[in-house]
Protein backbone atom coordinates (compact mmCIF):
# COMPACT_ATOMS: atom_id res chain seq x y z
CA MET A 1 -4.09 13.41 -19.73
CA VAL A 2 -2.02 11.72 -16.68
CA THR A 3 0.38 14.57 -14.90
CA LYS A 4 4.01 13.78 -13.99
CA VAL A 5 2.93 12.91 -10.39
CA GLU A 6 -0.19 10.15 -11.59
CA SER A 7 2.83 8.63 -13.54
CA GLN A 8 4.98 8.22 -10.21
CA ILE A 9 1.95 7.04 -8.79
CA THR A 10 1.43 4.48 -11.20
CA LYS A 11 5.16 3.45 -11.31
CA ARG A 12 4.96 2.87 -7.28
CA VAL A 13 1.66 0.77 -8.07
CA ILE A 14 3.31 -1.63 -10.38
CA ARG A 15 6.33 -1.57 -7.95
CA ALA A 16 4.49 -2.58 -5.52
CA ARG A 17 2.23 -4.87 -7.03
CA GLU A 18 5.45 -6.94 -8.31
CA GLU A 19 7.06 -6.77 -4.83
CA ALA A 20 4.12 -8.64 -3.33
CA GLY A 21 4.17 -11.19 -6.29
CA LEU A 22 0.60 -10.22 -7.39
CA ARG A 23 -0.67 -10.37 -10.81
CA ARG A 24 -2.79 -7.82 -12.74
CA LYS A 25 -5.81 -10.18 -12.41
CA GLU A 26 -5.39 -10.07 -8.82
CA VAL A 27 -4.82 -6.32 -7.94
CA ALA A 28 -7.93 -5.81 -10.57
CA ASP A 29 -10.06 -8.03 -8.69
CA ALA A 30 -9.32 -6.13 -5.45
CA LEU A 31 -10.07 -2.92 -7.33
CA GLY A 32 -13.49 -4.31 -8.80
CA LEU A 33 -12.15 -4.04 -12.10
CA GLU A 34 -11.70 -5.89 -15.27
CA GLU A 35 -7.98 -7.18 -15.78
CA GLN A 36 -8.38 -5.08 -19.56
CA SER A 37 -9.40 -1.76 -17.42
CA TYR A 38 -7.03 -2.24 -14.64
CA GLY A 39 -4.36 -2.60 -17.29
CA HIS A 40 -5.08 0.88 -18.63
CA TYR A 41 -4.38 2.51 -15.18
CA GLU A 42 -0.92 0.77 -15.03
CA ARG A 43 -0.09 1.95 -18.42
CA GLY A 44 -1.06 5.33 -17.55
CA ARG A 45 -3.99 5.93 -19.39
CA TYR A 46 -6.33 6.63 -16.75
CA ALA A 47 -5.25 8.03 -13.27
CA PHE A 48 -5.93 6.20 -9.84
CA THR A 49 -8.67 7.95 -7.72
CA VAL A 50 -8.36 8.20 -3.98
CA GLU A 51 -10.67 5.21 -3.27
CA GLN A 52 -8.44 2.87 -5.64
CA LEU A 53 -5.38 4.17 -3.73
CA LEU A 54 -7.11 3.27 -0.26
CA LEU A 55 -7.97 0.37 -1.69
CA LEU A 56 -4.06 -0.51 -3.19
CA SER A 57 -2.88 0.41 -0.09
CA ARG A 58 -4.61 -2.46 1.63
CA THR A 59 -4.57 -4.88 -1.23
CA LEU A 60 -0.40 -4.25 -1.87
CA ASN A 61 0.37 -3.84 1.85
CA LYS A 62 1.91 -0.05 1.43
CA PRO A 63 0.69 3.11 3.14
CA VAL A 64 -1.01 5.70 0.98
CA THR A 65 1.76 8.11 1.64
CA TRP A 66 4.26 5.46 0.24
CA PHE A 67 2.28 5.63 -3.37
CA LEU A 68 1.83 9.50 -3.21
CA GLY A 69 5.89 9.90 -2.63
CA ILE A 70 5.27 11.53 0.65
CA LYS A 71 8.44 11.53 3.28
CA THR A 72 7.54 10.63 6.33
CA ASP A 73 9.87 11.04 9.66
CA PHE A 74 9.59 6.96 9.63
CA ALA A 75 12.10 4.44 8.55
CA GLU A 76 10.62 2.21 5.84
CA ASP A 77 9.98 -0.68 8.18
CA GLU A 78 8.48 1.52 10.68
CA GLU A 79 6.08 2.72 8.18
CA GLU A 80 5.26 -0.89 6.98
CA LEU A 81 4.77 -2.02 10.45
CA LEU A 82 2.32 0.77 11.51
CA HIS A 83 0.22 -0.09 8.15
CA ALA A 84 0.07 -3.68 9.01
CA TYR A 85 -0.93 -3.02 12.67
CA ARG A 86 -3.74 -0.68 11.28
CA ALA A 87 -4.92 -3.29 9.25
CA ILE A 88 -5.24 -6.07 12.14
CA SER A 89 -8.79 -6.22 13.02
CA ASP A 90 -8.75 -8.47 16.06
CA ASP A 91 -8.18 -5.73 19.14
CA ARG A 92 -6.64 -9.16 20.98
CA ILE A 93 -3.81 -9.03 18.46
CA LYS A 94 -3.15 -5.36 18.23
CA ALA A 95 -2.78 -5.35 22.22
CA LEU A 96 -0.23 -8.38 21.93
CA LEU A 97 1.55 -6.72 19.70
CA LEU A 98 2.09 -3.36 21.65
CA ASN A 99 2.67 -5.34 24.72
CA MET A 100 5.48 -6.95 23.52
CA ALA A 101 6.57 -4.21 21.76
CA LYS A 102 6.93 -2.48 24.94
CA ASP A 103 8.29 -5.73 26.54
CA ALA A 104 11.20 -5.77 23.86
CA PRO A 105 14.63 -4.85 25.68
CA LYS A 106 15.52 -1.19 24.37
CA ASP A 107 19.00 -0.05 23.70
CA GLU A 108 20.40 2.43 26.45
């Protein structure tokens, strides 16, 4: 039986998938599931595991906290920026982005 919290996570997963413009098949592939099996998750028959939420976070470009409904001190765009930054594997690109942010004009 899926709990209320799990139901909220499922709704957020669907919303994130739709916002990303992805089909169920594409998300199912990212999770290593058949499309039909993934459909059971979106219909609330199964609850997502922690591992699946981590994969969904990368696939749908949302922090895990967003799926869990956890509020942070970050604005939504700050959370998205941090999530995107952490997903970058090239240290040179990370350094470039960090330097750009440091050098950007500041409001005083």
